[in-house]
Protein backbone atom coordinates (compact mmCIF):
# COMPACT_ATOMS: atom_id res chain seq x y z
CA MET A 1 6.11 -10.06 -8.53
CA SER A 2 8.67 -11.00 -11.12
CA LYS A 3 11.64 -9.69 -9.13
CA GLN A 4 13.06 -12.29 -6.77
CA LEU A 5 12.73 -11.02 -3.22
CA ARG A 6 15.54 -12.24 -1.01
CA THR A 7 15.18 -10.74 2.43
CA ASP A 8 12.37 -10.55 4.94
CA LYS A 9 12.59 -6.76 4.74
CA GLU A 10 12.03 -6.79 0.97
CA ILE A 11 9.15 -9.23 1.33
CA LEU A 12 7.54 -7.17 4.10
CA GLU A 13 7.89 -3.99 2.03
CA LYS A 14 6.12 -5.65 -0.90
CA MET A 15 3.41 -7.05 1.36
CA TYR A 16 2.92 -3.55 2.77
CA ASP A 17 2.50 -2.16 -0.74
CA TYR A 18 -0.25 -4.71 -1.41
CA ILE A 19 -1.93 -3.80 1.89
CA LEU A 20 -2.00 -0.18 0.73
CA GLN A 21 -3.64 -1.32 -2.52
CA ILE A 22 -6.34 -3.11 -0.52
CA GLU A 23 -6.89 0.01 1.56
CA GLU A 24 -7.16 2.08 -1.61
CA ALA A 25 -9.82 -0.25 -3.02
CA ILE A 26 -11.74 -0.10 0.26
CA SER A 27 -11.60 3.69 0.09
CA ILE A 28 -12.65 3.87 -3.57
CA PHE A 29 -15.66 1.64 -2.91
CA LYS A 30 -16.35 3.42 0.40
CA ASP A 31 -16.15 0.06 2.18
CA ASN A 32 -19.60 -0.72 0.81
CA GLU A 33 -20.45 -4.22 2.02
CA LYS A 34 -23.38 -4.57 -0.38
CA GLU A 35 -21.15 -3.69 -3.34
CA PHE A 36 -18.56 -6.18 -2.15
CA PHE A 37 -21.00 -9.08 -1.93
CA ASP A 38 -23.39 -8.25 -4.77
CA GLY A 39 -20.91 -6.96 -7.33
CA ARG A 40 -17.59 -8.45 -8.33
CA VAL A 41 -15.42 -5.40 -9.01
CA PHE A 42 -14.79 -4.49 -5.36
CA TYR A 43 -14.26 -8.14 -4.45
CA ASN A 44 -11.84 -8.68 -7.32
CA SER A 45 -9.97 -5.45 -6.61
CA VAL A 46 -8.96 -6.67 -3.16
CA SER A 47 -8.52 -10.32 -4.06
CA MET A 48 -5.40 -10.07 -6.21
CA PRO A 49 -3.41 -8.00 -3.70
CA LEU A 50 -4.62 -10.34 -0.97
CA PHE A 51 -3.46 -13.35 -2.98
CA TYR A 52 -0.02 -11.76 -3.42
CA ILE A 53 0.18 -11.03 0.32
CA THR A 54 -0.57 -14.66 1.12
CA GLU A 55 1.95 -15.83 -1.47
CA LEU A 56 4.65 -13.57 -0.07
CA ALA A 57 3.90 -14.60 3.52
CA ASN A 58 5.01 -18.11 2.61
CA LYS A 59 8.42 -16.73 1.60
CA LEU A 60 9.17 -15.12 4.96
CA SER A 61 11.78 -16.77 7.13
CA ASP A 62 10.70 -19.09 9.91
CA ASN A 63 12.60 -16.86 12.35
CA LEU A 64 10.42 -13.87 11.51
CA LYS A 65 7.20 -15.89 11.62
CA ASP A 66 8.19 -17.52 14.92
CA ASP A 67 8.65 -14.01 16.34
CA SER A 68 5.00 -13.11 15.71
CA ASP A 69 2.37 -15.10 17.52
CA GLU A 70 -0.27 -12.46 16.69
CA ILE A 71 -0.24 -13.31 12.96
CA GLU A 72 -2.00 -16.49 11.85
CA TRP A 73 0.54 -17.67 9.28
CA LEU A 74 -1.21 -21.01 8.70
CA TYR A 75 -4.45 -19.15 7.97
CA LEU A 76 -2.65 -17.04 5.37
CA ARG A 77 -1.14 -20.16 3.81
CA GLY A 78 -4.57 -21.78 3.62
CA MET A 79 -6.06 -18.68 2.05
CA ARG A 80 -3.26 -18.65 -0.52
CA ASN A 81 -4.05 -22.23 -1.45
CA ARG A 82 -7.74 -21.45 -1.86
CA PHE A 83 -6.96 -18.47 -4.09
CA ALA A 84 -4.55 -20.48 -6.20
CA HIS A 85 -6.59 -23.64 -6.59
CA ASP A 86 -10.24 -22.62 -6.25
CA TYR A 87 -10.62 -18.87 -6.80
CA ALA A 88 -14.18 -19.26 -8.12
CA GLY A 89 -15.06 -21.21 -4.99
CA MET A 90 -13.73 -18.61 -2.56
CA ASN A 91 -16.20 -17.50 0.08
CA PRO A 92 -16.50 -13.70 -0.15
CA ALA A 93 -17.40 -13.56 3.56
CA ILE A 94 -13.96 -14.97 4.42
CA THR A 95 -12.28 -12.42 2.16
CA TRP A 96 -14.34 -9.60 3.72
CA GLU A 97 -13.38 -10.73 7.21
CA THR A 98 -9.73 -11.05 6.24
CA ILE A 99 -9.43 -7.55 4.78
CA HIS A 100 -11.12 -6.04 7.85
CA GLU A 101 -9.50 -8.09 10.61
CA SER A 102 -6.35 -9.89 9.52
CA ILE A 103 -4.97 -7.29 7.12
CA PRO A 104 -5.02 -4.38 9.62
CA GLN A 105 -3.29 -6.65 12.14
CA LEU A 106 -0.71 -7.66 9.54
CA LYS A 107 -0.18 -4.01 8.61
CA LYS A 108 0.66 -3.13 12.24
CA PHE A 109 3.03 -6.07 12.45
CA ILE A 110 4.83 -5.03 9.25
CA GLU A 111 5.05 -1.40 10.38
CA THR A 112 6.65 -2.55 13.61
CA LYS A 113 9.17 -4.71 11.79
CA LEU A 114 10.07 -2.07 9.20
CA ASN A 115 10.47 0.80 11.68
């Protein structure tokens, strides 16, 4: 994330790349809920891309965010803050829910905006 992203399109493309990384981790671990909660490797492998997605979401223009009632932007901002300031205190259940509910919804939104 060292390159400065300037446009919503660039930010959305990067967010999409991180979504694909989350999907790859889910596939590698066969979406094994027990492995996610009992081990740390699966959890950690989705957490960093998820953190970057939440960080990038804060950089999107207000115009784009205002055009998308289906995305909970404040939820993403709150998750970003929890990752940044209390990673060890993150609730894995919230992360699990996010990667299975919010991320697919965000992926559809991004696909719509990029196509």
